[in-house]
Amino acid sequence: MEPALEWLFKLYSLGLIRGVIDGKEMIEAVWKSASSGEDVVDLAVLKVIFSAVRFPVVEVPNGSKCDEKIGMD
């Protein structure tokens, strides 16, 4: 769970996700993952929620370009 949250945080932070999202549903889904009781996951949840609040409008660019920018295979 923590790696997925870290990638979501990185995508927000790098501005690679842009457009309009349903913030309530996304925040609820991320928040539910905080129930794991692991400090690392809780920190990642807080970082993602903070980023979502700072950047409430997001857009997902072409997947291949996004993959190249963040070094995903």
PDB file of N, CA and C in Angstrom:
ATOM      1  N   MET A   1       0.822  -1.185   0.000  1.00  0.00           N
ATOM      2  CA  MET A   1       0.000   0.000   0.000  1.00  0.00           C
ATOM      3  C   MET A   1       0.871   1.254   0.000  1.00  0.00           C
ATOM      4  N   GLU A   2       1.918   1.262   0.808  1.00  0.00           N
ATOM      5  CA  GLU A   2       2.765   2.454   0.933  1.00  0.00           C
ATOM      6  C   GLU A   2       3.409   2.862  -0.393  1.00  0.00           C
ATOM      7  N   PRO A   3       3.918   1.927  -1.205  1.00  0.00           N
ATOM      8  CA  PRO A   3       4.497   2.344  -2.489  1.00  0.00           C
ATOM      9  C   PRO A   3       3.476   3.024  -3.407  1.00  0.00           C
ATOM     10  N   ALA A   4       2.252   2.530  -3.416  1.00  0.00           N
ATOM     11  CA  ALA A   4       1.212   3.154  -4.252  1.00  0.00           C
ATOM     12  C   ALA A   4       0.919   4.568  -3.780  1.00  0.00           C
ATOM     13  N   LEU A   5       0.849   4.759  -2.478  1.00  0.00           N
ATOM     14  CA  LEU A   5       0.605   6.094  -1.938  1.00  0.00           C
ATOM     15  C   LEU A   5       1.778   7.023  -2.238  1.00  0.00           C
ATOM     16  N   GLU A   6       2.997   6.506  -2.152  1.00  0.00           N
ATOM     17  CA  GLU A   6       4.173   7.320  -2.465  1.00  0.00           C
ATOM     18  C   GLU A   6       4.157   7.767  -3.924  1.00  0.00           C
ATOM     19  N   TRP A   7       3.775   6.856  -4.838  1.00  0.00           N
ATOM     20  CA  TRP A   7       3.709   7.225  -6.254  1.00  0.00           C
ATOM     21  C   TRP A   7       2.624   8.263  -6.490  1.00  0.00           C
ATOM     22  N   LEU A   8       1.486   8.113  -5.824  1.00  0.00           N
ATOM     23  CA  LEU A   8       0.416   9.100  -5.964  1.00  0.00           C
ATOM     24  C   LEU A   8       0.904  10.460  -5.488  1.00  0.00           C
ATOM     25  N   PHE A   9       1.606  10.488  -4.367  1.00  0.00           N
ATOM     26  CA  PHE A   9       2.175  11.737  -3.855  1.00  0.00           C
ATOM     27  C   PHE A   9       3.162  12.331  -4.858  1.00  0.00           C
ATOM     28  N   LYS A  10       4.046  11.502  -5.426  1.00  0.00           N
ATOM     29  CA  LYS A  10       5.032  11.993  -6.390  1.00  0.00           C
ATOM     30  C   LYS A  10       4.354  12.556  -7.627  1.00  0.00           C
ATOM     31  N   LEU A  11       3.319  11.873  -8.114  1.00  0.00           N
ATOM     32  CA  LEU A  11       2.607  12.360  -9.293  1.00  0.00           C
ATOM     33  C   LEU A  11       1.988  13.725  -9.032  1.00  0.00           C
ATOM     34  N   TYR A  12       1.362  13.902  -7.868  1.00  0.00           N
ATOM     35  CA  TYR A  12       0.823  15.207  -7.488  1.00  0.00           C
ATOM     36  C   TYR A  12       1.942  16.238  -7.391  1.00  0.00           C
ATOM     37  N   SER A  13       3.002  15.908  -6.691  1.00  0.00           N
ATOM     38  CA  SER A  13       4.089  16.853  -6.431  1.00  0.00           C
ATOM     39  C   SER A  13       4.789  17.309  -7.702  1.00  0.00           C
ATOM     40  N   LEU A  14       4.947  16.406  -8.649  1.00  0.00           N
ATOM     41  CA  LEU A  14       5.614  16.739  -9.905  1.00  0.00           C
ATOM     42  C   LEU A  14       4.680  17.402 -10.911  1.00  0.00           C
ATOM     43  N   GLY A  15       3.405  17.511 -10.564  1.00  0.00           N
ATOM     44  CA  GLY A  15       2.438  18.133 -11.468  1.00  0.00           C
ATOM     45  C   GLY A  15       2.104  17.259 -12.661  1.00  0.00           C
ATOM     46  N   LEU A  16       2.305  15.954 -12.530  1.00  0.00           N
ATOM     47  CA  LEU A  16       2.020  15.039 -13.634  1.00  0.00           C
ATOM     48  C   LEU A  16       0.566  14.601 -13.666  1.00  0.00           C
ATOM     49  N   ILE A  17      -0.184  14.914 -12.622  1.00  0.00           N
ATOM     50  CA  ILE A  17      -1.616  14.617 -12.598  1.00  0.00           C
ATOM     51  C   ILE A  17      -2.330  15.957 -12.616  1.00  0.00           C
ATOM     52  N   ARG A  18      -3.141  16.189 -13.645  1.00  0.00           N
ATOM     53  CA  ARG A  18      -3.893  17.443 -13.758  1.00  0.00           C
ATOM     54  C   ARG A  18      -5.282  17.152 -14.286  1.00  0.00           C
ATOM     55  N   GLY A  19      -6.276  17.924 -13.865  1.00  0.00           N
ATOM     56  CA  GLY A  19      -7.658  17.765 -14.300  1.00  0.00           C
ATOM     57  C   GLY A  19      -8.591  17.816 -13.110  1.00  0.00           C
ATOM     58  N   VAL A  20      -9.857  17.515 -13.316  1.00  0.00           N
ATOM     59  CA  VAL A  20     -10.829  17.575 -12.232  1.00  0.00           C
ATOM     60  C   VAL A  20     -11.087  16.165 -11.723  1.00  0.00           C
ATOM     61  N   ILE A  21     -11.032  15.985 -10.415  1.00  0.00           N
ATOM     62  CA  ILE A  21     -11.312  14.687  -9.814  1.00  0.00           C
ATOM     63  C   ILE A  21     -12.445  14.835  -8.817  1.00  0.00           C
ATOM     64  N   ASP A  22     -13.053  13.730  -8.455  1.00  0.00           N
ATOM     65  CA  ASP A  22     -14.035  13.739  -7.375  1.00  0.00           C
ATOM     66  C   ASP A  22     -13.234  13.621  -6.093  1.00  0.00           C
ATOM     67  N   GLY A  23     -12.880  14.756  -5.538  1.00  0.00           N
ATOM     68  CA  GLY A  23     -12.015  14.790  -4.368  1.00  0.00           C
ATOM     69  C   GLY A  23     -12.528  13.980  -3.204  1.00  0.00           C
ATOM     70  N   LYS A  24     -13.841  13.987  -2.981  1.00  0.00           N
ATOM     71  CA  LYS A  24     -14.401  13.274  -1.835  1.00  0.00           C
ATOM     72  C   LYS A  24     -14.116  11.772  -1.933  1.00  0.00           C
ATOM     73  N   GLU A  25     -14.384  11.185  -3.095  1.00  0.00           N
ATOM     74  CA  GLU A  25     -14.167   9.741  -3.254  1.00  0.00           C
ATOM     75  C   GLU A  25     -12.681   9.385  -3.165  1.00  0.00           C
ATOM     76  N   MET A  26     -11.827  10.197  -3.785  1.00  0.00           N
ATOM     77  CA  MET A  26     -10.395   9.918  -3.750  1.00  0.00           C
ATOM     78  C   MET A  26      -9.863  10.034  -2.327  1.00  0.00           C
ATOM     79  N   ILE A  27     -10.250  11.083  -1.624  1.00  0.00           N
ATOM     80  CA  ILE A  27      -9.798  11.280  -0.245  1.00  0.00           C
ATOM     81  C   ILE A  27     -10.274  10.128   0.639  1.00  0.00           C
ATOM     82  N   GLU A  28     -11.529   9.699   0.470  1.00  0.00           N
ATOM     83  CA  GLU A  28     -12.052   8.586   1.269  1.00  0.00           C
ATOM     84  C   GLU A  28     -11.270   7.305   1.003  1.00  0.00           C
ATOM     85  N   ALA A  29     -10.948   7.034  -0.267  1.00  0.00           N
ATOM     86  CA  ALA A  29     -10.203   5.820  -0.609  1.00  0.00           C
ATOM     87  C   ALA A  29      -8.803   5.845  -0.002  1.00  0.00           C
ATOM     88  N   VAL A  30      -8.144   6.989  -0.087  1.00  0.00           N
ATOM     89  CA  VAL A  30      -6.804   7.112   0.491  1.00  0.00           C
ATOM     90  C   VAL A  30      -6.880   7.011   2.006  1.00  0.00           C
ATOM     91  N   TRP A  31      -7.868   7.668   2.604  1.00  0.00           N
ATOM     92  CA  TRP A  31      -7.996   7.679   4.068  1.00  0.00           C
ATOM     93  C   TRP A  31      -8.222   6.272   4.619  1.00  0.00           C
ATOM     94  N   LYS A  32      -8.989   5.438   3.899  1.00  0.00           N
ATOM     95  CA  LYS A  32      -9.252   4.067   4.358  1.00  0.00           C
ATOM     96  C   LYS A  32      -7.960   3.262   4.492  1.00  0.00           C
ATOM     97  N   SER A  33      -6.972   3.582   3.672  1.00  0.00           N
ATOM     98  CA  SER A  33      -5.715   2.835   3.744  1.00  0.00           C
ATOM     99  C   SER A  33      -4.922   3.181   5.003  1.00  0.00           C
ATOM    100  N   ALA A  34      -5.301   4.238   5.698  1.00  0.00           N
ATOM    101  CA  ALA A  34      -4.599   4.629   6.926  1.00  0.00           C
ATOM    102  C   ALA A  34      -4.919   3.695   8.084  1.00  0.00           C
ATOM    103  N   SER A  35      -5.909   2.849   7.932  1.00  0.00           N
ATOM    104  CA  SER A  35      -6.299   1.956   9.024  1.00  0.00           C
ATOM    105  C   SER A  35      -5.345   0.774   9.199  1.00  0.00           C
ATOM    106  N   SER A  36      -4.278   0.733   8.413  1.00  0.00           N
ATOM    107  CA  SER A  36      -3.331  -0.384   8.510  1.00  0.00           C
ATOM    108  C   SER A  36      -2.539  -0.359   9.815  1.00  0.00           C
ATOM    109  N   GLY A  37      -2.418   0.818  10.427  1.00  0.00           N
ATOM    110  CA  GLY A  37      -1.676   0.928  11.678  1.00  0.00           C
ATOM    111  C   GLY A  37      -0.176   1.069  11.507  1.00  0.00           C
ATOM    112  N   GLU A  38       0.304   1.087  10.261  1.00  0.00           N
ATOM    113  CA  GLU A  38       1.734   1.243  10.002  1.00  0.00           C
ATOM    114  C   GLU A  38       2.066   2.729   9.881  1.00  0.00           C
ATOM    115  N   ASP A  39       3.099   3.163  10.583  1.00  0.00           N
ATOM    116  CA  ASP A  39       3.489   4.573  10.548  1.00  0.00           C
ATOM    117  C   ASP A  39       3.850   5.044   9.143  1.00  0.00           C
ATOM    118  N   VAL A  40       4.531   4.193   8.382  1.00  0.00           N
ATOM    119  CA  VAL A  40       4.949   4.561   7.030  1.00  0.00           C
ATOM    120  C   VAL A  40       3.731   4.818   6.151  1.00  0.00           C
ATOM    121  N   VAL A  41       2.724   3.961   6.257  1.00  0.00           N
ATOM    122  CA  VAL A  41       1.501   4.125   5.469  1.00  0.00           C
ATOM    123  C   VAL A  41       0.755   5.371   5.920  1.00  0.00           C
ATOM    124  N   ASP A  42       0.670   5.586   7.228  1.00  0.00           N
ATOM    125  CA  ASP A  42      -0.019   6.772   7.742  1.00  0.00           C
ATOM    126  C   ASP A  42       0.638   8.053   7.235  1.00  0.00           C
ATOM    127  N   LEU A  43       1.960   8.086   7.213  1.00  0.00           N
ATOM    128  CA  LEU A  43       2.673   9.254   6.705  1.00  0.00           C
ATOM    129  C   LEU A  43       2.385   9.457   5.219  1.00  0.00           C
ATOM    130  N   ALA A  44       2.392   8.372   4.453  1.00  0.00           N
ATOM    131  CA  ALA A  44       2.106   8.464   3.022  1.00  0.00           C
ATOM    132  C   ALA A  44       0.686   8.963   2.788  1.00  0.00           C
ATOM    133  N   VAL A  45      -0.269   8.503   3.597  1.00  0.00           N
ATOM    134  CA  VAL A  45      -1.660   8.957   3.486  1.00  0.00           C
ATOM    135  C   VAL A  45      -1.735  10.462   3.720  1.00  0.00           C
ATOM    136  N   LEU A  46      -1.079  10.936   4.753  1.00  0.00           N
ATOM    137  CA  LEU A  46      -1.092  12.373   5.050  1.00  0.00           C
ATOM    138  C   LEU A  46      -0.474  13.187   3.920  1.00  0.00           C
ATOM    139  N   LYS A  47       0.607  12.684   3.332  1.00  0.00           N
ATOM    140  CA  LYS A  47       1.250  13.397   2.229  1.00  0.00           C
ATOM    141  C   LYS A  47       0.330  13.479   1.018  1.00  0.00           C
ATOM    142  N   VAL A  48      -0.354  12.380   0.692  1.00  0.00           N
ATOM    143  CA  VAL A  48      -1.260  12.374  -0.458  1.00  0.00           C
ATOM    144  C   VAL A  48      -2.434  13.312  -0.210  1.00  0.00           C
ATOM    145  N   ILE A  49      -3.021  13.246   0.967  1.00  0.00           N
ATOM    146  CA  ILE A  49      -4.168  14.108   1.272  1.00  0.00           C
ATOM    147  C   ILE A  49      -3.744  15.573   1.246  1.00  0.00           C
ATOM    148  N   PHE A  50      -2.587  15.886   1.801  1.00  0.00           N
ATOM    149  CA  PHE A  50      -2.083  17.257   1.761  1.00  0.00           C
ATOM    150  C   PHE A  50      -1.917  17.729   0.317  1.00  0.00           C
ATOM    151  N   SER A  51      -1.352  16.887  -0.533  1.00  0.00           N
ATOM    152  CA  SER A  51      -1.170  17.241  -1.942  1.00  0.00           C
ATOM    153  C   SER A  51      -2.501  17.426  -2.645  1.00  0.00           C
ATOM    154  N   ALA A  52      -3.467  16.560  -2.348  1.00  0.00           N
ATOM    155  CA  ALA A  52      -4.786  16.660  -2.978  1.00  0.00           C
ATOM    156  C   ALA A  52      -5.492  17.951  -2.572  1.00  0.00           C
ATOM    157  N   VAL A  53      -5.304  18.370  -1.340  1.00  0.00           N
ATOM    158  CA  VAL A  53      -5.917  19.616  -0.876  1.00  0.00           C
ATOM    159  C   VAL A  53      -5.225  20.816  -1.524  1.00  0.00           C
ATOM    160  N   ARG A  54      -3.910  20.746  -1.658  1.00  0.00           N
ATOM    161  CA  ARG A  54      -3.157  21.847  -2.286  1.00  0.00           C
ATOM    162  C   ARG A  54      -3.445  21.955  -3.770  1.00  0.00           C
ATOM    163  N   PHE A  55      -3.665  20.817  -4.438  1.00  0.00           N
ATOM    164  CA  PHE A  55      -3.895  20.793  -5.876  1.00  0.00           C
ATOM    165  C   PHE A  55      -5.199  20.053  -6.169  1.00  0.00           C
ATOM    166  N   PRO A  56      -6.368  20.691  -5.912  1.00  0.00           N
ATOM    167  CA  PRO A  56      -7.646  19.991  -6.056  1.00  0.00           C
ATOM    168  C   PRO A  56      -8.044  19.704  -7.500  1.00  0.00           C
ATOM    169  N   VAL A  57      -7.395  20.337  -8.468  1.00  0.00           N
ATOM    170  CA  VAL A  57      -7.701  20.103  -9.874  1.00  0.00           C
ATOM    171  C   VAL A  57      -6.530  19.353 -10.480  1.00  0.00           C
ATOM    172  N   VAL A  58      -6.813  18.187 -11.070  1.00  0.00           N
ATOM    173  CA  VAL A  58      -5.743  17.351 -11.616  1.00  0.00           C
ATOM    174  C   VAL A  58      -6.067  16.895 -13.029  1.00  0.00           C
ATOM    175  N   GLU A  59      -5.046  16.496 -13.786  1.00  0.00           N
ATOM    176  CA  GLU A  59      -5.195  15.982 -15.142  1.00  0.00           C
ATOM    177  C   GLU A  59      -4.202  14.850 -15.327  1.00  0.00           C
ATOM    178  N   VAL A  60      -4.634  13.759 -15.918  1.00  0.00           N
ATOM    179  CA  VAL A  60      -3.719  12.655 -16.188  1.00  0.00           C
ATOM    180  C   VAL A  60      -3.289  12.760 -17.645  1.00  0.00           C
ATOM    181  N   PRO A  61      -2.005  13.080 -17.908  1.00  0.00           N
ATOM    182  CA  PRO A  61      -1.529  13.193 -19.280  1.00  0.00           C
ATOM    183  C   PRO A  61      -1.404  11.823 -19.932  1.00  0.00           C
ATOM    184  N   ASN A  62      -1.013  11.795 -21.200  1.00  0.00           N
ATOM    185  CA  ASN A  62      -0.802  10.553 -21.933  1.00  0.00           C
ATOM    186  C   ASN A  62       0.067   9.624 -21.097  1.00  0.00           C
ATOM    187  N   GLY A  63      -0.390   8.385 -20.901  1.00  0.00           N
ATOM    188  CA  GLY A  63       0.300   7.435 -20.031  1.00  0.00           C
ATOM    189  C   GLY A  63       1.750   7.204 -20.384  1.00  0.00           C
ATOM    190  N   SER A  64       2.078   7.107 -21.678  1.00  0.00           N
ATOM    191  CA  SER A  64       3.464   6.822 -22.048  1.00  0.00           C
ATOM    192  C   SER A  64       4.380   7.976 -21.674  1.00  0.00           C
ATOM    193  N   LYS A  65       3.926   9.206 -21.850  1.00  0.00           N
ATOM    194  CA  LYS A  65       4.741  10.357 -21.464  1.00  0.00           C
ATOM    195  C   LYS A  65       4.916  10.388 -19.954  1.00  0.00           C
ATOM    196  N   CYS A  66       3.855  10.095 -19.232  1.00  0.00           N
ATOM    197  CA  CYS A  66       3.899  10.095 -17.770  1.00  0.00           C
ATOM    198  C   CYS A  66       4.888   9.033 -17.288  1.00  0.00           C
ATOM    199  N   ASP A  67       4.844   7.854 -17.879  1.00  0.00           N
ATOM    200  CA  ASP A  67       5.745   6.775 -17.482  1.00  0.00           C
ATOM    201  C   ASP A  67       7.203   7.173 -17.686  1.00  0.00           C
ATOM    202  N   GLU A  68       7.500   7.846 -18.801  1.00  0.00           N
ATOM    203  CA  GLU A  68       8.871   8.250 -19.079  1.00  0.00           C
ATOM    204  C   GLU A  68       9.359   9.275 -18.068  1.00  0.00           C
ATOM    205  N   LYS A  69       8.510  10.218 -17.691  1.00  0.00           N
ATOM    206  CA  LYS A  69       8.919  11.296 -16.794  1.00  0.00           C
ATOM    207  C   LYS A  69       9.235  10.802 -15.390  1.00  0.00           C
ATOM    208  N   ILE A  70       8.528   9.788 -14.916  1.00  0.00           N
ATOM    209  CA  ILE A  70       8.754   9.343 -13.545  1.00  0.00           C
ATOM    210  C   ILE A  70       9.568   8.056 -13.477  1.00  0.00           C
ATOM    211  N   GLY A  71      10.041   7.578 -14.627  1.00  0.00           N
ATOM    212  CA  GLY A  71      10.922   6.420 -14.639  1.00  0.00           C
ATOM    213  C   GLY A  71      10.218   5.100 -14.411  1.00  0.00           C
ATOM    214  N   MET A  72       8.952   5.007 -14.788  1.00  0.00           N
ATOM    215  CA  MET A  72       8.236   3.736 -14.625  1.00  0.00           C
ATOM    216  C   MET A  72       8.437   2.886 -15.865  1.00  0.00           C
ATOM    217  N   ASP A  73       8.434   1.582 -15.711  1.00  0.00           N
ATOM    218  CA  ASP A  73       8.579   0.650 -16.837  1.00  0.00           C
ATOM    219  C   ASP A  73       7.231   0.206 -17.317  1.00  0.00           C
TER     220      ASP A  73
END
